[in-house]
Amino acid sequence: MPGQGQSPIDPTSVDPRLLESLLGFWADAGIDTLIEDVPVDRLAERIRPPRPAAPAIVAPVKAANAGPDISAAVAEAQRLAAGADSLEALHAAISGFDGCGLKFEGARQAVFARGAPDAPVMVIGEGPGGDEDVQGAPFVGRAGKLLDKMLHAAGLDGRVFITNTVFWRPPGNRTPTPQEQMICAPFVEKAIALVSPKILLLAGGASAKHMLQRPEGILTLRGRWFDWRSADGAIELPAMPTLHPAFLLRQPAAKKKAWADLLTLSERLDRPERP
């Protein structure tokens, strides 16, 4: 095989038997096709310095844990919430808000709140379920009926205002995502400002984690007092996480823990103000 810069070998100058033997060798090796008409000295090719690699074009990659950009939706929710000067106006603002994807994932209507508009206790759950989606009010299904019985037994009838961290039913009654809760947060804060409760009761792990910005599970958080602060720092309230009534339906033995939480809350609510 000629080296680099040499002329190709003339086949007529080579012994035909040698060419036949060489072709037989390559045929036995399974090679029956020529890639190029002109032979190339691959040994000489190895001696050449490698060509510089072309710079790779890397497309920007979103971080694996990065969620969707929700800043525009949060800003719109803040604008609408700021313009609501009553609970009725806030309900209308929520119903007309299109920034939360849950609204377009099968929900029938926005589910805002029920209860006394000047209640000293605000109960904040996670999100509407099937019964709530139909009736347009939070905690009206089996879990809601259990909650009402417990509130009645704790002497809190007519003293609560009930809402959720999101206002549309998540598909399949799944837990709302942190992004969905963040989008709805301005409306929740506005409801707190309008009702002006003395205490927050956070029902369920998703509500407690979101409202308090804590990573612990509900079994760790429940029954303890925390300070909740609004995003602008203008409102600060004591908040107690407790077990969600739906959990109590699945785990009846845990009712005594939730009952203890309500008694602790009721005692603090009725405690005389200290100077």
C-alpha atoms as a PDB file:
ATOM      1  CA  MET A   1       0.000   0.000   0.000  1.00  0.00           C
ATOM      2  CA  PRO A   2       1.573   3.359  -1.017  1.00  0.00           C
ATOM      3  CA  GLY A   3       2.472   5.970   1.593  1.00  0.00           C
ATOM      4  CA  GLN A   4       1.167   9.479   1.672  1.00  0.00           C
ATOM      5  CA  GLY A   5       2.136  11.459  -1.442  1.00  0.00           C
ATOM      6  CA  GLN A   6       2.973   8.311  -3.446  1.00  0.00           C
ATOM      7  CA  SER A   7       1.272   7.351  -6.718  1.00  0.00           C
ATOM      8  CA  PRO A   8      -1.300   4.534  -6.661  1.00  0.00           C
ATOM      9  CA  ILE A   9       0.038   1.088  -7.514  1.00  0.00           C
ATOM     10  CA  ASP A  10      -0.495  -0.017 -11.121  1.00  0.00           C
ATOM     11  CA  PRO A  11      -2.329  -3.374 -10.932  1.00  0.00           C
ATOM     12  CA  THR A  12      -0.746  -4.486 -14.232  1.00  0.00           C
ATOM     13  CA  SER A  13       2.704  -4.384 -12.641  1.00  0.00           C
ATOM     14  CA  VAL A  14       1.747  -6.807  -9.867  1.00  0.00           C
ATOM     15  CA  ASP A  15       1.774 -10.598 -10.121  1.00  0.00           C
ATOM     16  CA  PRO A  16      -1.888 -11.619 -10.734  1.00  0.00           C
ATOM     17  CA  ARG A  17      -1.483 -14.508  -8.308  1.00  0.00           C
ATOM     18  CA  LEU A  18      -0.562 -12.058  -5.556  1.00  0.00           C
ATOM     19  CA  LEU A  19      -3.656  -9.962  -6.278  1.00  0.00           C
ATOM     20  CA  GLU A  20      -5.841 -13.090  -6.329  1.00  0.00           C
ATOM     21  CA  SER A  21      -4.414 -14.201  -2.997  1.00  0.00           C
ATOM     22  CA  LEU A  22      -4.986 -10.764  -1.477  1.00  0.00           C
ATOM     23  CA  LEU A  23      -8.572 -10.609  -2.698  1.00  0.00           C
ATOM     24  CA  GLY A  24      -9.180 -14.101  -1.312  1.00  0.00           C
ATOM     25  CA  PHE A  25      -7.845 -13.009   2.064  1.00  0.00           C
ATOM     26  CA  TRP A  26     -10.227 -10.058   2.208  1.00  0.00           C
ATOM     27  CA  ALA A  27     -13.141 -12.187   0.995  1.00  0.00           C
ATOM     28  CA  ASP A  28     -12.471 -14.724   3.760  1.00  0.00           C
ATOM     29  CA  ALA A  29     -12.468 -11.809   6.211  1.00  0.00           C
ATOM     30  CA  GLY A  30     -15.983 -10.929   5.071  1.00  0.00           C
ATOM     31  CA  ILE A  31     -15.075  -7.825   3.078  1.00  0.00           C
ATOM     32  CA  ASP A  32     -16.694  -7.736  -0.345  1.00  0.00           C
ATOM     33  CA  THR A  33     -17.142  -4.028  -1.028  1.00  0.00           C
ATOM     34  CA  LEU A  34     -14.677  -1.201  -1.751  1.00  0.00           C
ATOM     35  CA  ILE A  35     -15.450   2.083  -0.013  1.00  0.00           C
ATOM     36  CA  GLU A  36     -13.117   4.204  -2.109  1.00  0.00           C
ATOM     37  CA  ASP A  37     -11.561   3.791  -5.529  1.00  0.00           C
ATOM     38  CA  VAL A  38      -8.182   5.123  -4.389  1.00  0.00           C
ATOM     39  CA  PRO A  39      -6.330   3.242  -1.615  1.00  0.00           C
ATOM     40  CA  VAL A  40      -5.566   5.170   1.594  1.00  0.00           C
ATOM     41  CA  ASP A  41      -2.632   4.509   3.882  1.00  0.00           C
ATOM     42  CA  ARG A  42      -4.378   4.392   7.284  1.00  0.00           C
ATOM     43  CA  LEU A  43      -1.075   3.998   9.095  1.00  0.00           C
ATOM     44  CA  ALA A  44       0.022   7.334   7.714  1.00  0.00           C
ATOM     45  CA  GLU A  45      -3.333   8.798   8.710  1.00  0.00           C
ATOM     46  CA  ARG A  46      -2.608   7.902  12.341  1.00  0.00           C
ATOM     47  CA  ILE A  47       0.573   9.977  12.275  1.00  0.00           C
ATOM     48  CA  ARG A  48      -1.293  13.156  11.337  1.00  0.00           C
ATOM     49  CA  PRO A  49      -2.181  15.461  14.237  1.00  0.00           C
ATOM     50  CA  PRO A  50      -5.870  15.189  15.085  1.00  0.00           C
ATOM     51  CA  ARG A  51      -8.170  17.875  13.781  1.00  0.00           C
ATOM     52  CA  PRO A  52      -9.421  20.258  16.445  1.00  0.00           C
ATOM     53  CA  ALA A  53     -12.945  19.326  17.439  1.00  0.00           C
ATOM     54  CA  ALA A  54     -15.625  21.790  16.487  1.00  0.00           C
ATOM     55  CA  PRO A  55     -17.083  23.539  19.522  1.00  0.00           C
ATOM     56  CA  ALA A  56     -20.187  21.740  20.688  1.00  0.00           C
ATOM     57  CA  ILE A  57     -23.417  23.670  20.577  1.00  0.00           C
ATOM     58  CA  VAL A  58     -25.189  23.003  23.834  1.00  0.00           C
ATOM     59  CA  ALA A  59     -28.800  24.017  24.179  1.00  0.00           C
ATOM     60  CA  PRO A  60     -29.711  25.556  27.507  1.00  0.00           C
ATOM     61  CA  VAL A  61     -31.076  22.909  29.848  1.00  0.00           C
ATOM     62  CA  LYS A  62     -33.608  23.716  32.553  1.00  0.00           C
ATOM     63  CA  ALA A  63     -32.679  22.466  35.999  1.00  0.00           C
ATOM     64  CA  ALA A  64     -34.353  19.174  36.800  1.00  0.00           C
ATOM     65  CA  ASN A  65     -36.116  20.619  39.843  1.00  0.00           C
ATOM     66  CA  ALA A  66     -37.082  23.907  38.258  1.00  0.00           C
ATOM     67  CA  GLY A  67     -40.805  24.379  37.973  1.00  0.00           C
ATOM     68  CA  PRO A  68     -42.709  26.471  35.470  1.00  0.00           C
ATOM     69  CA  ASP A  69     -42.348  30.246  35.539  1.00  0.00           C
ATOM     70  CA  ILE A  70     -45.308  31.376  37.633  1.00  0.00           C
ATOM     71  CA  SER A  71     -44.204  34.946  38.308  1.00  0.00           C
ATOM     72  CA  ALA A  72     -46.736  36.447  35.880  1.00  0.00           C
ATOM     73  CA  ALA A  73     -49.603  34.452  37.397  1.00  0.00           C
ATOM     74  CA  VAL A  74     -48.602  35.443  40.934  1.00  0.00           C
ATOM     75  CA  ALA A  75     -48.360  39.104  39.913  1.00  0.00           C
ATOM     76  CA  GLU A  76     -51.842  38.973  38.381  1.00  0.00           C
ATOM     77  CA  ALA A  77     -53.238  37.304  41.498  1.00  0.00           C
ATOM     78  CA  GLN A  78     -51.662  40.029  43.628  1.00  0.00           C
ATOM     79  CA  ARG A  79     -53.208  42.718  41.448  1.00  0.00           C
ATOM     80  CA  LEU A  80     -56.675  41.202  41.607  1.00  0.00           C
ATOM     81  CA  ALA A  81     -56.463  40.521  45.341  1.00  0.00           C
ATOM     82  CA  ALA A  82     -55.332  44.069  46.056  1.00  0.00           C
ATOM     83  CA  GLY A  83     -58.374  45.418  44.253  1.00  0.00           C
ATOM     84  CA  ALA A  84     -60.865  43.352  46.289  1.00  0.00           C
ATOM     85  CA  ASP A  85     -62.290  45.365  49.198  1.00  0.00           C
ATOM     86  CA  SER A  86     -64.753  42.702  50.417  1.00  0.00           C
ATOM     87  CA  LEU A  87     -65.076  38.925  50.571  1.00  0.00           C
ATOM     88  CA  GLU A  88     -67.673  39.065  47.798  1.00  0.00           C
ATOM     89  CA  ALA A  89     -65.306  41.040  45.593  1.00  0.00           C
ATOM     90  CA  LEU A  90     -62.507  38.624  46.413  1.00  0.00           C
ATOM     91  CA  HIS A  91     -64.689  35.660  45.431  1.00  0.00           C
ATOM     92  CA  ALA A  92     -65.456  37.357  42.120  1.00  0.00           C
ATOM     93  CA  ALA A  93     -61.771  38.068  41.539  1.00  0.00           C
ATOM     94  CA  ILE A  94     -60.877  34.437  42.166  1.00  0.00           C
ATOM     95  CA  SER A  95     -63.632  33.210  39.851  1.00  0.00           C
ATOM     96  CA  GLY A  96     -62.376  35.452  37.051  1.00  0.00           C
ATOM     97  CA  PHE A  97     -58.710  34.550  37.543  1.00  0.00           C
ATOM     98  CA  ASP A  98     -57.200  32.396  34.776  1.00  0.00           C
ATOM     99  CA  GLY A  99     -53.654  32.081  36.103  1.00  0.00           C
ATOM    100  CA  CYS A 100     -54.055  28.769  37.940  1.00  0.00           C
ATOM    101  CA  GLY A 101     -53.982  25.723  35.682  1.00  0.00           C
ATOM    102  CA  LEU A 102     -56.357  23.833  37.966  1.00  0.00           C
ATOM    103  CA  LYS A 103     -59.189  25.954  36.607  1.00  0.00           C
ATOM    104  CA  PHE A 104     -58.804  24.258  33.231  1.00  0.00           C
ATOM    105  CA  GLU A 105     -58.219  20.679  34.397  1.00  0.00           C
ATOM    106  CA  GLY A 106     -61.820  19.632  34.891  1.00  0.00           C
ATOM    107  CA  ALA A 107     -62.958  21.843  37.776  1.00  0.00           C
ATOM    108  CA  ARG A 108     -66.580  22.985  37.557  1.00  0.00           C
ATOM    109  CA  GLN A 109     -66.169  26.239  39.468  1.00  0.00           C
ATOM    110  CA  ALA A 110     -64.051  28.185  41.910  1.00  0.00           C
ATOM    111  CA  VAL A 111     -64.558  27.078  45.525  1.00  0.00           C
ATOM    112  CA  PHE A 112     -63.787  29.988  47.819  1.00  0.00           C
ATOM    113  CA  ALA A 113     -65.038  29.879  51.399  1.00  0.00           C
ATOM    114  CA  ARG A 114     -67.838  29.486  53.920  1.00  0.00           C
ATOM    115  CA  GLY A 115     -68.383  30.619  57.492  1.00  0.00           C
ATOM    116  CA  ALA A 116     -68.560  33.784  59.532  1.00  0.00           C
ATOM    117  CA  PRO A 117     -66.958  36.762  57.741  1.00  0.00           C
ATOM    118  CA  ASP A 118     -65.644  38.107  61.059  1.00  0.00           C
ATOM    119  CA  ALA A 119     -64.651  34.754  62.562  1.00  0.00           C
ATOM    120  CA  PRO A 120     -61.845  34.657  65.128  1.00  0.00           C
ATOM    121  CA  VAL A 121     -60.607  31.344  63.676  1.00  0.00           C
ATOM    122  CA  MET A 122     -59.770  30.716  60.024  1.00  0.00           C
ATOM    123  CA  VAL A 123     -59.493  27.098  58.921  1.00  0.00           C
ATOM    124  CA  ILE A 124     -57.310  26.634  55.853  1.00  0.00           C
ATOM    125  CA  GLY A 125     -57.418  23.252  54.173  1.00  0.00           C
ATOM    126  CA  GLU A 126     -55.599  21.951  51.105  1.00  0.00           C
ATOM    127  CA  GLY A 127     -58.019  22.051  48.165  1.00  0.00           C
ATOM    128  CA  PRO A 128     -61.591  21.260  47.100  1.00  0.00           C
ATOM    129  CA  GLY A 129     -62.756  17.699  46.510  1.00  0.00           C
ATOM    130  CA  GLY A 130     -65.574  16.311  44.400  1.00  0.00           C
ATOM    131  CA  ASP A 131     -68.455  17.402  46.665  1.00  0.00           C
ATOM    132  CA  GLU A 132     -66.947  20.839  47.055  1.00  0.00           C
ATOM    133  CA  ASP A 133     -66.525  21.177  43.303  1.00  0.00           C
ATOM    134  CA  VAL A 134     -70.236  20.466  42.826  1.00  0.00           C
ATOM    135  CA  GLN A 135     -71.564  22.624  45.677  1.00  0.00           C
ATOM    136  CA  GLY A 136     -69.094  25.493  45.387  1.00  0.00           C
ATOM    137  CA  ALA A 137     -68.137  25.574  49.086  1.00  0.00           C
ATOM    138  CA  PRO A 138     -65.197  24.038  50.989  1.00  0.00           C
ATOM    139  CA  PHE A 139     -65.483  21.088  53.372  1.00  0.00           C
ATOM    140  CA  VAL A 140     -69.035  19.997  52.527  1.00  0.00           C
ATOM    141  CA  GLY A 141     -68.382  16.295  51.899  1.00  0.00           C
ATOM    142  CA  ARG A 142     -67.775  13.542  54.440  1.00  0.00           C
ATOM    143  CA  ALA A 143     -64.583  15.178  55.689  1.00  0.00           C
ATOM    144  CA  GLY A 144     -66.383  18.499  56.018  1.00  0.00           C
ATOM    145  CA  LYS A 145     -69.204  16.957  58.032  1.00  0.00           C
ATOM    146  CA  LEU A 146     -66.658  15.450  60.415  1.00  0.00           C
ATOM    147  CA  LEU A 147     -64.934  18.826  60.713  1.00  0.00           C
ATOM    148  CA  ASP A 148     -68.235  20.525  61.543  1.00  0.00           C
ATOM    149  CA  LYS A 149     -68.970  17.960  64.276  1.00  0.00           C
ATOM    150  CA  MET A 150     -65.559  18.486  65.828  1.00  0.00           C
ATOM    151  CA  LEU A 151     -65.842  22.275  65.693  1.00  0.00           C
ATOM    152  CA  HIS A 152     -69.279  22.065  67.293  1.00  0.00           C
ATOM    153  CA  ALA A 153     -68.001  19.818  70.070  1.00  0.00           C
ATOM    154  CA  ALA A 154     -65.133  22.240  70.725  1.00  0.00           C
ATOM    155  CA  GLY A 155     -67.544  25.158  71.073  1.00  0.00           C
ATOM    156  CA  LEU A 156     -66.458  26.807  67.834  1.00  0.00           C
ATOM    157  CA  ASP A 157     -69.846  26.943  66.083  1.00  0.00           C
ATOM    158  CA  GLY A 158     -70.217  30.230  64.208  1.00  0.00           C
ATOM    159  CA  ARG A 159     -66.637  31.195  65.053  1.00  0.00           C
ATOM    160  CA  VAL A 160     -64.800  29.864  62.023  1.00  0.00           C
ATOM    161  CA  PHE A 161     -64.199  30.907  58.428  1.00  0.00           C
ATOM    162  CA  ILE A 162     -63.159  28.026  56.178  1.00  0.00           C
ATOM    163  CA  THR A 163     -61.148  28.141  52.951  1.00  0.00           C
ATOM    164  CA  ASN A 164     -58.307  26.284  51.160  1.00  0.00           C
ATOM    165  CA  THR A 165     -54.847  26.952  49.770  1.00  0.00           C
ATOM    166  CA  VAL A 166     -56.202  26.491  46.208  1.00  0.00           C
ATOM    167  CA  PHE A 167     -59.688  27.218  44.880  1.00  0.00           C
ATOM    168  CA  TRP A 168     -60.186  24.631  42.138  1.00  0.00           C
ATOM    169  CA  ARG A 169     -60.412  20.882  42.524  1.00  0.00           C
ATOM    170  CA  PRO A 170     -57.133  19.154  41.585  1.00  0.00           C
ATOM    171  CA  PRO A 171     -57.731  16.252  39.163  1.00  0.00           C
ATOM    172  CA  GLY A 172     -58.394  13.028  41.017  1.00  0.00           C
ATOM    173  CA  ASN A 173     -58.382  14.917  44.319  1.00  0.00           C
ATOM    174  CA  ARG A 174     -54.596  14.900  44.260  1.00  0.00           C
ATOM    175  CA  THR A 175     -52.600  17.136  46.588  1.00  0.00           C
ATOM    176  CA  PRO A 176     -52.112  20.645  45.145  1.00  0.00           C
ATOM    177  CA  THR A 177     -48.576  21.390  44.027  1.00  0.00           C
ATOM    178  CA  PRO A 178     -46.454  24.092  45.687  1.00  0.00           C
ATOM    179  CA  GLN A 179     -46.649  26.091  42.440  1.00  0.00           C
ATOM    180  CA  GLU A 180     -50.455  25.993  42.450  1.00  0.00           C
ATOM    181  CA  GLN A 181     -50.488  27.073  46.081  1.00  0.00           C
ATOM    182  CA  MET A 182     -48.074  29.928  45.398  1.00  0.00           C
ATOM    183  CA  ILE A 183     -50.277  31.222  42.593  1.00  0.00           C
ATOM    184  CA  CYS A 184     -53.327  31.258  44.872  1.00  0.00           C
ATOM    185  CA  ALA A 185     -51.454  32.595  47.923  1.00  0.00           C
ATOM    186  CA  PRO A 186     -52.264  36.289  47.305  1.00  0.00           C
ATOM    187  CA  PHE A 187     -55.977  35.464  47.461  1.00  0.00           C
ATOM    188  CA  VAL A 188     -55.543  33.491  50.694  1.00  0.00           C
ATOM    189  CA  GLU A 189     -53.637  36.364  52.271  1.00  0.00           C
ATOM    190  CA  LYS A 190     -56.292  38.840  51.182  1.00  0.00           C
ATOM    191  CA  ALA A 191     -58.979  36.650  52.765  1.00  0.00           C
ATOM    192  CA  ILE A 192     -57.015  36.650  56.005  1.00  0.00           C
ATOM    193  CA  ALA A 193     -56.728  40.433  55.855  1.00  0.00           C
ATOM    194  CA  LEU A 194     -60.469  40.881  55.237  1.00  0.00           C
ATOM    195  CA  VAL A 195     -61.636  38.419  57.908  1.00  0.00           C
ATOM    196  CA  SER A 196     -58.947  39.469  60.391  1.00  0.00           C
ATOM    197  CA  PRO A 197     -58.973  36.268  62.477  1.00  0.00           C
ATOM    198  CA  LYS A 198     -57.079  35.798  65.716  1.00  0.00           C
ATOM    199  CA  ILE A 199     -55.864  32.265  64.953  1.00  0.00           C
ATOM    200  CA  LEU A 200     -55.220  30.082  61.904  1.00  0.00           C
ATOM    201  CA  LEU A 201     -56.019  26.364  61.971  1.00  0.00           C
ATOM    202  CA  LEU A 202     -54.120  24.610  59.168  1.00  0.00           C
ATOM    203  CA  ALA A 203     -55.811  21.348  58.202  1.00  0.00           C
ATOM    204  CA  GLY A 204     -53.511  18.816  56.584  1.00  0.00           C
ATOM    205  CA  GLY A 205     -49.861  18.537  55.675  1.00  0.00           C
ATOM    206  CA  ALA A 206     -50.070  20.379  52.354  1.00  0.00           C
ATOM    207  CA  SER A 207     -51.695  23.377  54.033  1.00  0.00           C
ATOM    208  CA  ALA A 208     -49.301  23.435  56.984  1.00  0.00           C
ATOM    209  CA  LYS A 209     -46.162  23.071  54.872  1.00  0.00           C
ATOM    210  CA  HIS A 210     -47.250  25.781  52.465  1.00  0.00           C
ATOM    211  CA  MET A 211     -48.524  28.326  54.983  1.00  0.00           C
ATOM    212  CA  LEU A 212     -45.608  27.900  57.380  1.00  0.00           C
ATOM    213  CA  GLN A 213     -42.925  27.139  54.778  1.00  0.00           C
ATOM    214  CA  ARG A 214     -41.700  24.162  56.768  1.00  0.00           C
ATOM    215  CA  PRO A 215     -40.569  20.755  55.464  1.00  0.00           C
ATOM    216  CA  GLU A 216     -41.804  18.543  58.306  1.00  0.00           C
ATOM    217  CA  GLY A 217     -44.763  16.208  57.950  1.00  0.00           C
ATOM    218  CA  ILE A 218     -48.104  16.866  59.573  1.00  0.00           C
ATOM    219  CA  LEU A 219     -47.552  14.301  62.330  1.00  0.00           C
ATOM    220  CA  THR A 220     -44.553  16.338  63.432  1.00  0.00           C
ATOM    221  CA  LEU A 221     -46.155  19.764  63.002  1.00  0.00           C
ATOM    222  CA  ARG A 222     -49.619  19.081  64.458  1.00  0.00           C
ATOM    223  CA  GLY A 223     -50.545  20.401  67.868  1.00  0.00           C
ATOM    224  CA  ARG A 224     -47.733  22.976  67.921  1.00  0.00           C
ATOM    225  CA  TRP A 225     -47.974  26.746  67.707  1.00  0.00           C
ATOM    226  CA  PHE A 226     -46.191  28.629  64.958  1.00  0.00           C
ATOM    227  CA  ASP A 227     -46.144  32.229  63.782  1.00  0.00           C
ATOM    228  CA  TRP A 228     -47.582  32.859  60.337  1.00  0.00           C
ATOM    229  CA  ARG A 229     -46.597  36.092  58.568  1.00  0.00           C
ATOM    230  CA  SER A 230     -48.008  37.603  55.411  1.00  0.00           C
ATOM    231  CA  ALA A 231     -45.675  38.114  52.469  1.00  0.00           C
ATOM    232  CA  ASP A 232     -45.403  41.846  53.191  1.00  0.00           C
ATOM    233  CA  GLY A 233     -44.950  41.290  56.922  1.00  0.00           C
ATOM    234  CA  ALA A 234     -47.995  43.388  57.768  1.00  0.00           C
ATOM    235  CA  ILE A 235     -49.945  40.520  59.398  1.00  0.00           C
ATOM    236  CA  GLU A 236     -48.671  38.054  61.966  1.00  0.00           C
ATOM    237  CA  LEU A 237     -50.907  35.410  63.513  1.00  0.00           C
ATOM    238  CA  PRO A 238     -50.535  32.282  65.653  1.00  0.00           C
ATOM    239  CA  ALA A 239     -51.151  29.156  63.593  1.00  0.00           C
ATOM    240  CA  MET A 240     -51.687  25.548  64.586  1.00  0.00           C
ATOM    241  CA  PRO A 241     -51.446  22.636  62.126  1.00  0.00           C
ATOM    242  CA  THR A 242     -53.786  19.706  62.673  1.00  0.00           C
ATOM    243  CA  LEU A 243     -54.729  16.489  60.933  1.00  0.00           C
ATOM    244  CA  HIS A 244     -56.999  16.775  57.924  1.00  0.00           C
ATOM    245  CA  PRO A 245     -60.519  15.369  58.490  1.00  0.00           C
ATOM    246  CA  ALA A 246     -60.114  13.133  55.431  1.00  0.00           C
ATOM    247  CA  PHE A 247     -57.126  11.527  57.153  1.00  0.00           C
ATOM    248  CA  LEU A 248     -59.220  10.989  60.261  1.00  0.00           C
ATOM    249  CA  LEU A 249     -61.819   9.137  58.203  1.00  0.00           C
ATOM    250  CA  ARG A 250     -59.097   6.750  57.068  1.00  0.00           C
ATOM    251  CA  GLN A 251     -57.418   6.569  60.480  1.00  0.00           C
ATOM    252  CA  PRO A 252     -60.136   6.904  63.152  1.00  0.00           C
ATOM    253  CA  ALA A 253     -57.636   6.242  65.939  1.00  0.00           C
ATOM    254  CA  ALA A 254     -55.999   9.594  65.144  1.00  0.00           C
ATOM    255  CA  LYS A 255     -59.160  11.545  66.010  1.00  0.00           C
ATOM    256  CA  LYS A 256     -58.024  11.945  69.605  1.00  0.00           C
ATOM    257  CA  LYS A 257     -54.947  13.843  68.385  1.00  0.00           C
ATOM    258  CA  ALA A 258     -57.039  16.228  66.285  1.00  0.00           C
ATOM    259  CA  TRP A 259     -59.459  16.624  69.199  1.00  0.00           C
ATOM    260  CA  ALA A 260     -56.577  17.573  71.485  1.00  0.00           C
ATOM    261  CA  ASP A 261     -55.470  20.158  68.901  1.00  0.00           C
ATOM    262  CA  LEU A 262     -58.949  21.736  68.848  1.00  0.00           C
ATOM    263  CA  LEU A 263     -59.123  21.890  72.634  1.00  0.00           C
ATOM    264  CA  THR A 264     -55.729  23.598  72.742  1.00  0.00           C
ATOM    265  CA  LEU A 265     -56.861  26.102  70.113  1.00  0.00           C
ATOM    266  CA  SER A 266     -60.181  26.768  71.859  1.00  0.00           C
ATOM    267  CA  GLU A 267     -58.440  27.335  75.175  1.00  0.00           C
ATOM    268  CA  ARG A 268     -56.050  29.854  73.636  1.00  0.00           C
ATOM    269  CA  LEU A 269     -58.863  31.598  71.789  1.00  0.00           C
ATOM    270  CA  ASP A 270     -60.867  32.147  74.973  1.00  0.00           C
ATOM    271  CA  ARG A 271     -57.908  32.978  77.160  1.00  0.00           C
ATOM    272  CA  PRO A 272     -58.224  36.502  78.558  1.00  0.00           C
ATOM    273  CA  GLU A 273     -55.972  38.971  76.808  1.00  0.00           C
ATOM    274  CA  ARG A 274     -52.819  39.578  78.750  1.00  0.00           C
ATOM    275  CA  PRO A 275     -51.638  43.169  79.220  1.00  0.00           C
END
